[in-house]
Amino acid sequence: MITITCDVCKKKMDDQNKALFPYGNHSICEPCKDIFEIQVKDNVRKKDPFEFEWYRKLMLDTLDKAVQKGKF
């Protein structure tokens, strides 16, 4: 059995649990993914005009900060 750890909350996931989502170099669990998407969505709504490169950088920067802090 393979055990994978969420990079943000450090919760361990096993093979049976497929709720682990890859973003860049990190993998996050479903509860962390929900919080992550809410935070990114709030920033995206404020951006006009929308740029994909900016969106990609926002996602990776937000995730990197959360991994460093250990929470969103």
PDB file of N, CA and C in Angstrom:
ATOM      1  N   MET A   1       0.837  -1.171   0.000  1.00  0.00           N
ATOM      2  CA  MET A   1       0.000   0.000   0.000  1.00  0.00           C
ATOM      3  C   MET A   1       0.890   1.246   0.000  1.00  0.00           C
ATOM      4  N   ILE A   2       0.538   2.218  -0.811  1.00  0.00           N
ATOM      5  CA  ILE A   2       1.279   3.465  -0.907  1.00  0.00           C
ATOM      6  C   ILE A   2       0.569   4.520  -0.060  1.00  0.00           C
ATOM      7  N   THR A   3       1.331   5.247   0.717  1.00  0.00           N
ATOM      8  CA  THR A   3       0.778   6.339   1.515  1.00  0.00           C
ATOM      9  C   THR A   3       1.304   7.656   0.967  1.00  0.00           C
ATOM     10  N   ILE A   4       0.396   8.555   0.659  1.00  0.00           N
ATOM     11  CA  ILE A   4       0.745   9.872   0.137  1.00  0.00           C
ATOM     12  C   ILE A   4       0.266  10.898   1.156  1.00  0.00           C
ATOM     13  N   THR A   5       1.018  11.972   1.328  1.00  0.00           N
ATOM     14  CA  THR A   5       0.687  12.997   2.299  1.00  0.00           C
ATOM     15  C   THR A   5       0.296  14.284   1.587  1.00  0.00           C
ATOM     16  N   CYS A   6      -0.764  14.920   2.063  1.00  0.00           N
ATOM     17  CA  CYS A   6      -1.158  16.238   1.556  1.00  0.00           C
ATOM     18  C   CYS A   6      -0.048  17.221   1.914  1.00  0.00           C
ATOM     19  N   ASP A   7       0.394  18.021   0.955  1.00  0.00           N
ATOM     20  CA  ASP A   7       1.496  18.949   1.194  1.00  0.00           C
ATOM     21  C   ASP A   7       1.106  20.120   2.086  1.00  0.00           C
ATOM     22  N   VAL A   8      -0.177  20.403   2.212  1.00  0.00           N
ATOM     23  CA  VAL A   8      -0.616  21.535   3.030  1.00  0.00           C
ATOM     24  C   VAL A   8      -0.908  21.103   4.458  1.00  0.00           C
ATOM     25  N   CYS A   9      -1.868  20.205   4.648  1.00  0.00           N
ATOM     26  CA  CYS A   9      -2.307  19.837   6.005  1.00  0.00           C
ATOM     27  C   CYS A   9      -1.560  18.628   6.572  1.00  0.00           C
ATOM     28  N   LYS A  10      -0.755  17.994   5.745  1.00  0.00           N
ATOM     29  CA  LYS A  10       0.051  16.827   6.140  1.00  0.00           C
ATOM     30  C   LYS A  10      -0.785  15.604   6.515  1.00  0.00           C
ATOM     31  N   LYS A  11      -2.059  15.562   6.064  1.00  0.00           N
ATOM     32  CA  LYS A  11      -2.903  14.398   6.301  1.00  0.00           C
ATOM     33  C   LYS A  11      -2.467  13.275   5.361  1.00  0.00           C
ATOM     34  N   LYS A  12      -2.377  12.068   5.882  1.00  0.00           N
ATOM     35  CA  LYS A  12      -1.938  10.925   5.082  1.00  0.00           C
ATOM     36  C   LYS A  12      -3.123  10.329   4.320  1.00  0.00           C
ATOM     37  N   MET A  13      -2.877  10.024   3.053  1.00  0.00           N
ATOM     38  CA  MET A  13      -3.868   9.402   2.182  1.00  0.00           C
ATOM     39  C   MET A  13      -3.330   8.048   1.764  1.00  0.00           C
ATOM     40  N   ASP A  14      -4.208   7.037   1.701  1.00  0.00           N
ATOM     41  CA  ASP A  14      -3.768   5.720   1.257  1.00  0.00           C
ATOM     42  C   ASP A  14      -4.223   5.474  -0.178  1.00  0.00           C
ATOM     43  N   ASP A  15      -3.900   4.304  -0.697  1.00  0.00           N
ATOM     44  CA  ASP A  15      -4.264   3.927  -2.065  1.00  0.00           C
ATOM     45  C   ASP A  15      -5.770   3.968  -2.296  1.00  0.00           C
ATOM     46  N   GLN A  16      -6.536   3.615  -1.295  1.00  0.00           N
ATOM     47  CA  GLN A  16      -7.983   3.525  -1.424  1.00  0.00           C
ATOM     48  C   GLN A  16      -8.626   4.899  -1.640  1.00  0.00           C
ATOM     49  N   ASN A  17      -8.027   5.917  -1.079  1.00  0.00           N
ATOM     50  CA  ASN A  17      -8.583   7.264  -1.142  1.00  0.00           C
ATOM     51  C   ASN A  17      -8.000   7.993  -2.350  1.00  0.00           C
ATOM     52  N   LYS A  18      -8.808   8.221  -3.353  1.00  0.00           N
ATOM     53  CA  LYS A  18      -8.334   8.839  -4.589  1.00  0.00           C
ATOM     54  C   LYS A  18      -8.504  10.362  -4.581  1.00  0.00           C
ATOM     55  N   ALA A  19      -8.827  10.950  -3.434  1.00  0.00           N
ATOM     56  CA  ALA A  19      -9.095  12.380  -3.357  1.00  0.00           C
ATOM     57  C   ALA A  19      -7.820  13.171  -3.101  1.00  0.00           C
ATOM     58  N   LEU A  20      -6.846  13.034  -3.963  1.00  0.00           N
ATOM     59  CA  LEU A  20      -5.613  13.804  -3.876  1.00  0.00           C
ATOM     60  C   LEU A  20      -5.418  14.480  -5.226  1.00  0.00           C
ATOM     61  N   PHE A  21      -5.230  15.792  -5.226  1.00  0.00           N
ATOM     62  CA  PHE A  21      -5.203  16.565  -6.460  1.00  0.00           C
ATOM     63  C   PHE A  21      -3.827  17.181  -6.680  1.00  0.00           C
ATOM     64  N   PRO A  22      -3.224  16.958  -7.843  1.00  0.00           N
ATOM     65  CA  PRO A  22      -1.912  17.545  -8.131  1.00  0.00           C
ATOM     66  C   PRO A  22      -2.052  18.972  -8.664  1.00  0.00           C
ATOM     67  N   TYR A  23      -1.265  19.883  -8.099  1.00  0.00           N
ATOM     68  CA  TYR A  23      -1.167  21.263  -8.583  1.00  0.00           C
ATOM     69  C   TYR A  23       0.310  21.609  -8.611  1.00  0.00           C
ATOM     70  N   GLY A  24       0.862  21.804  -9.783  1.00  0.00           N
ATOM     71  CA  GLY A  24       2.281  22.106  -9.888  1.00  0.00           C
ATOM     72  C   GLY A  24       3.105  20.971  -9.313  1.00  0.00           C
ATOM     73  N   ASN A  25       3.956  21.276  -8.348  1.00  0.00           N
ATOM     74  CA  ASN A  25       4.796  20.265  -7.708  1.00  0.00           C
ATOM     75  C   ASN A  25       4.184  19.725  -6.432  1.00  0.00           C
ATOM     76  N   HIS A  26       2.963  20.106  -6.122  1.00  0.00           N
ATOM     77  CA  HIS A  26       2.329  19.739  -4.861  1.00  0.00           C
ATOM     78  C   HIS A  26       1.096  18.878  -5.101  1.00  0.00           C
ATOM     79  N   SER A  27       0.748  18.098  -4.080  1.00  0.00           N
ATOM     80  CA  SER A  27      -0.489  17.322  -4.090  1.00  0.00           C
ATOM     81  C   SER A  27      -1.278  17.715  -2.851  1.00  0.00           C
ATOM     82  N   ILE A  28      -2.569  17.973  -3.033  1.00  0.00           N
ATOM     83  CA  ILE A  28      -3.383  18.392  -1.898  1.00  0.00           C
ATOM     84  C   ILE A  28      -4.641  17.543  -1.800  1.00  0.00           C
ATOM     85  N   CYS A  29      -5.157  17.406  -0.575  1.00  0.00           N
ATOM     86  CA  CYS A  29      -6.354  16.608  -0.339  1.00  0.00           C
ATOM     87  C   CYS A  29      -7.602  17.413  -0.725  1.00  0.00           C
ATOM     88  N   GLU A  30      -8.742  16.760  -0.730  1.00  0.00           N
ATOM     89  CA  GLU A  30      -9.976  17.406  -1.166  1.00  0.00           C
ATOM     90  C   GLU A  30     -10.402  18.577  -0.283  1.00  0.00           C
ATOM     91  N   PRO A  31     -10.353  18.465   1.069  1.00  0.00           N
ATOM     92  CA  PRO A  31     -10.724  19.637   1.884  1.00  0.00           C
ATOM     93  C   PRO A  31      -9.808  20.839   1.634  1.00  0.00           C
ATOM     94  N   CYS A  32      -8.518  20.604   1.466  1.00  0.00           N
ATOM     95  CA  CYS A  32      -7.590  21.702   1.167  1.00  0.00           C
ATOM     96  C   CYS A  32      -7.858  22.270  -0.227  1.00  0.00           C
ATOM     97  N   LYS A  33      -8.210  21.412  -1.166  1.00  0.00           N
ATOM     98  CA  LYS A  33      -8.513  21.855  -2.526  1.00  0.00           C
ATOM     99  C   LYS A  33      -9.718  22.786  -2.538  1.00  0.00           C
ATOM    100  N   ASP A  34     -10.733  22.469  -1.736  1.00  0.00           N
ATOM    101  CA  ASP A  34     -11.920  23.320  -1.676  1.00  0.00           C
ATOM    102  C   ASP A  34     -11.576  24.717  -1.165  1.00  0.00           C
ATOM    103  N   ILE A  35     -10.792  24.794  -0.107  1.00  0.00           N
ATOM    104  CA  ILE A  35     -10.376  26.088   0.447  1.00  0.00           C
ATOM    105  C   ILE A  35      -9.506  26.837  -0.564  1.00  0.00           C
ATOM    106  N   PHE A  36      -8.602  26.115  -1.202  1.00  0.00           N
ATOM    107  CA  PHE A  36      -7.708  26.692  -2.208  1.00  0.00           C
ATOM    108  C   PHE A  36      -8.502  27.322  -3.347  1.00  0.00           C
ATOM    109  N   GLU A  37      -9.499  26.611  -3.851  1.00  0.00           N
ATOM    110  CA  GLU A  37     -10.297  27.121  -4.965  1.00  0.00           C
ATOM    111  C   GLU A  37     -11.118  28.347  -4.572  1.00  0.00           C
ATOM    112  N   ILE A  38     -11.601  28.388  -3.335  1.00  0.00           N
ATOM    113  CA  ILE A  38     -12.353  29.555  -2.863  1.00  0.00           C
ATOM    114  C   ILE A  38     -11.445  30.780  -2.819  1.00  0.00           C
ATOM    115  N   GLN A  39     -10.231  30.623  -2.299  1.00  0.00           N
ATOM    116  CA  GLN A  39      -9.307  31.747  -2.223  1.00  0.00           C
ATOM    117  C   GLN A  39      -8.918  32.255  -3.608  1.00  0.00           C
ATOM    118  N   VAL A  40      -8.643  31.351  -4.519  1.00  0.00           N
ATOM    119  CA  VAL A  40      -8.260  31.749  -5.869  1.00  0.00           C
ATOM    120  C   VAL A  40      -9.447  32.407  -6.576  1.00  0.00           C
ATOM    121  N   LYS A  41     -10.638  31.857  -6.394  1.00  0.00           N
ATOM    122  CA  LYS A  41     -11.832  32.399  -7.053  1.00  0.00           C
ATOM    123  C   LYS A  41     -12.084  33.849  -6.636  1.00  0.00           C
ATOM    124  N   ASP A  42     -11.887  34.167  -5.364  1.00  0.00           N
ATOM    125  CA  ASP A  42     -12.092  35.538  -4.898  1.00  0.00           C
ATOM    126  C   ASP A  42     -11.157  36.511  -5.606  1.00  0.00           C
ATOM    127  N   ASN A  43      -9.906  36.118  -5.814  1.00  0.00           N
ATOM    128  CA  ASN A  43      -8.946  36.981  -6.510  1.00  0.00           C
ATOM    129  C   ASN A  43      -9.239  37.080  -7.999  1.00  0.00           C
ATOM    130  N   VAL A  44      -9.705  36.002  -8.597  1.00  0.00           N
ATOM    131  CA  VAL A  44      -9.986  35.988 -10.032  1.00  0.00           C
ATOM    132  C   VAL A  44     -11.158  36.913 -10.357  1.00  0.00           C
ATOM    133  N   ARG A  45     -12.138  36.965  -9.503  1.00  0.00           N
ATOM    134  CA  ARG A  45     -13.309  37.829  -9.753  1.00  0.00           C
ATOM    135  C   ARG A  45     -12.941  39.305  -9.785  1.00  0.00           C
ATOM    136  N   LYS A  46     -11.868  39.678  -9.090  1.00  0.00           N
ATOM    137  CA  LYS A  46     -11.445  41.073  -9.033  1.00  0.00           C
ATOM    138  C   LYS A  46     -10.583  41.475 -10.229  1.00  0.00           C
ATOM    139  N   LYS A  47     -10.075  40.502 -10.980  1.00  0.00           N
ATOM    140  CA  LYS A  47      -9.141  40.764 -12.078  1.00  0.00           C
ATOM    141  C   LYS A  47      -9.882  41.050 -13.372  1.00  0.00           C
ATOM    142  N   ASP A  48      -9.535  42.180 -13.981  1.00  0.00           N
ATOM    143  CA  ASP A  48     -10.126  42.511 -15.272  1.00  0.00           C
ATOM    144  C   ASP A  48      -9.077  43.262 -16.075  1.00  0.00           C
ATOM    145  N   PRO A  49      -8.670  42.865 -17.213  1.00  0.00           N
ATOM    146  CA  PRO A  49      -9.049  41.671 -17.956  1.00  0.00           C
ATOM    147  C   PRO A  49      -8.307  40.434 -17.442  1.00  0.00           C
ATOM    148  N   PHE A  50      -8.890  39.297 -17.702  1.00  0.00           N
ATOM    149  CA  PHE A  50      -8.340  38.026 -17.241  1.00  0.00           C
ATOM    150  C   PHE A  50      -7.181  37.600 -18.122  1.00  0.00           C
ATOM    151  N   GLU A  51      -6.100  37.112 -17.490  1.00  0.00           N
ATOM    152  CA  GLU A  51      -4.935  36.615 -18.222  1.00  0.00           C
ATOM    153  C   GLU A  51      -4.577  35.244 -17.665  1.00  0.00           C
ATOM    154  N   PHE A  52      -4.367  34.287 -18.537  1.00  0.00           N
ATOM    155  CA  PHE A  52      -4.082  32.925 -18.098  1.00  0.00           C
ATOM    156  C   PHE A  52      -2.733  32.807 -17.383  1.00  0.00           C
ATOM    157  N   GLU A  53      -1.733  33.536 -17.834  1.00  0.00           N
ATOM    158  CA  GLU A  53      -0.424  33.477 -17.178  1.00  0.00           C
ATOM    159  C   GLU A  53      -0.523  34.027 -15.746  1.00  0.00           C
ATOM    160  N   TRP A  54      -1.280  35.096 -15.570  1.00  0.00           N
ATOM    161  CA  TRP A  54      -1.500  35.654 -14.233  1.00  0.00           C
ATOM    162  C   TRP A  54      -2.230  34.637 -13.349  1.00  0.00           C
ATOM    163  N   TYR A  55      -3.227  33.962 -13.906  1.00  0.00           N
ATOM    164  CA  TYR A  55      -3.998  32.957 -13.163  1.00  0.00           C
ATOM    165  C   TYR A  55      -3.108  31.799 -12.712  1.00  0.00           C
ATOM    166  N   ARG A  56      -2.260  31.318 -13.596  1.00  0.00           N
ATOM    167  CA  ARG A  56      -1.345  30.225 -13.266  1.00  0.00           C
ATOM    168  C   ARG A  56      -0.398  30.641 -12.147  1.00  0.00           C
ATOM    169  N   LYS A  57       0.151  31.855 -12.250  1.00  0.00           N
ATOM    170  CA  LYS A  57       1.066  32.352 -11.221  1.00  0.00           C
ATOM    171  C   LYS A  57       0.331  32.526  -9.887  1.00  0.00           C
ATOM    172  N   LEU A  58      -0.881  33.033  -9.903  1.00  0.00           N
ATOM    173  CA  LEU A  58      -1.684  33.203  -8.694  1.00  0.00           C
ATOM    174  C   LEU A  58      -1.915  31.859  -8.013  1.00  0.00           C
ATOM    175  N   MET A  59      -2.280  30.838  -8.785  1.00  0.00           N
ATOM    176  CA  MET A  59      -2.532  29.516  -8.220  1.00  0.00           C
ATOM    177  C   MET A  59      -1.273  28.948  -7.560  1.00  0.00           C
ATOM    178  N   LEU A  60      -0.161  29.004  -8.256  1.00  0.00           N
ATOM    179  CA  LEU A  60       1.069  28.426  -7.724  1.00  0.00           C
ATOM    180  C   LEU A  60       1.588  29.217  -6.524  1.00  0.00           C
ATOM    181  N   ASP A  61       1.489  30.537  -6.554  1.00  0.00           N
ATOM    182  CA  ASP A  61       1.935  31.355  -5.422  1.00  0.00           C
ATOM    183  C   ASP A  61       1.072  31.105  -4.187  1.00  0.00           C
ATOM    184  N   THR A  62      -0.239  31.021  -4.376  1.00  0.00           N
ATOM    185  CA  THR A  62      -1.152  30.752  -3.267  1.00  0.00           C
ATOM    186  C   THR A  62      -0.857  29.387  -2.654  1.00  0.00           C
ATOM    187  N   LEU A  63      -0.625  28.408  -3.487  1.00  0.00           N
ATOM    188  CA  LEU A  63      -0.329  27.064  -3.000  1.00  0.00           C
ATOM    189  C   LEU A  63       1.023  27.001  -2.295  1.00  0.00           C
ATOM    190  N   ASP A  64       2.027  27.679  -2.836  1.00  0.00           N
ATOM    191  CA  ASP A  64       3.346  27.699  -2.196  1.00  0.00           C
ATOM    192  C   ASP A  64       3.281  28.327  -0.803  1.00  0.00           C
ATOM    193  N   LYS A  65       2.531  29.413  -0.667  1.00  0.00           N
ATOM    194  CA  LYS A  65       2.382  30.059   0.648  1.00  0.00           C
ATOM    195  C   LYS A  65       1.678  29.136   1.634  1.00  0.00           C
ATOM    196  N   ALA A  66       0.660  28.422   1.174  1.00  0.00           N
ATOM    197  CA  ALA A  66      -0.074  27.510   2.045  1.00  0.00           C
ATOM    198  C   ALA A  66       0.809  26.346   2.490  1.00  0.00           C
ATOM    199  N   VAL A  67       1.640  25.829   1.608  1.00  0.00           N
ATOM    200  CA  VAL A  67       2.537  24.730   1.971  1.00  0.00           C
ATOM    201  C   VAL A  67       3.544  25.198   3.016  1.00  0.00           C
ATOM    202  N   GLN A  68       4.051  26.417   2.878  1.00  0.00           N
ATOM    203  CA  GLN A  68       5.000  26.949   3.845  1.00  0.00           C
ATOM    204  C   GLN A  68       4.356  27.137   5.225  1.00  0.00           C
ATOM    205  N   LYS A  69       3.116  27.669   5.234  1.00  0.00           N
ATOM    206  CA  LYS A  69       2.413  27.912   6.501  1.00  0.00           C
ATOM    207  C   LYS A  69       1.833  26.642   7.100  1.00  0.00           C
ATOM    208  N   GLY A  70       1.466  25.691   6.255  1.00  0.00           N
ATOM    209  CA  GLY A  70       0.828  24.471   6.715  1.00  0.00           C
ATOM    210  C   GLY A  70      -0.678  24.603   6.782  1.00  0.00           C
ATOM    211  N   LYS A  71      -1.214  25.670   6.205  1.00  0.00           N
ATOM    212  CA  LYS A  71      -2.679  25.868   6.154  1.00  0.00           C
ATOM    213  C   LYS A  71      -2.981  26.967   5.132  1.00  0.00           C
ATOM    214  N   PHE A  72      -4.238  27.090   4.764  1.00  0.00           N
ATOM    215  CA  PHE A  72      -4.667  28.154   3.855  1.00  0.00           C
ATOM    216  C   PHE A  72      -5.139  29.342   4.631  1.00  0.00           C
TER     217      PHE A  72
END
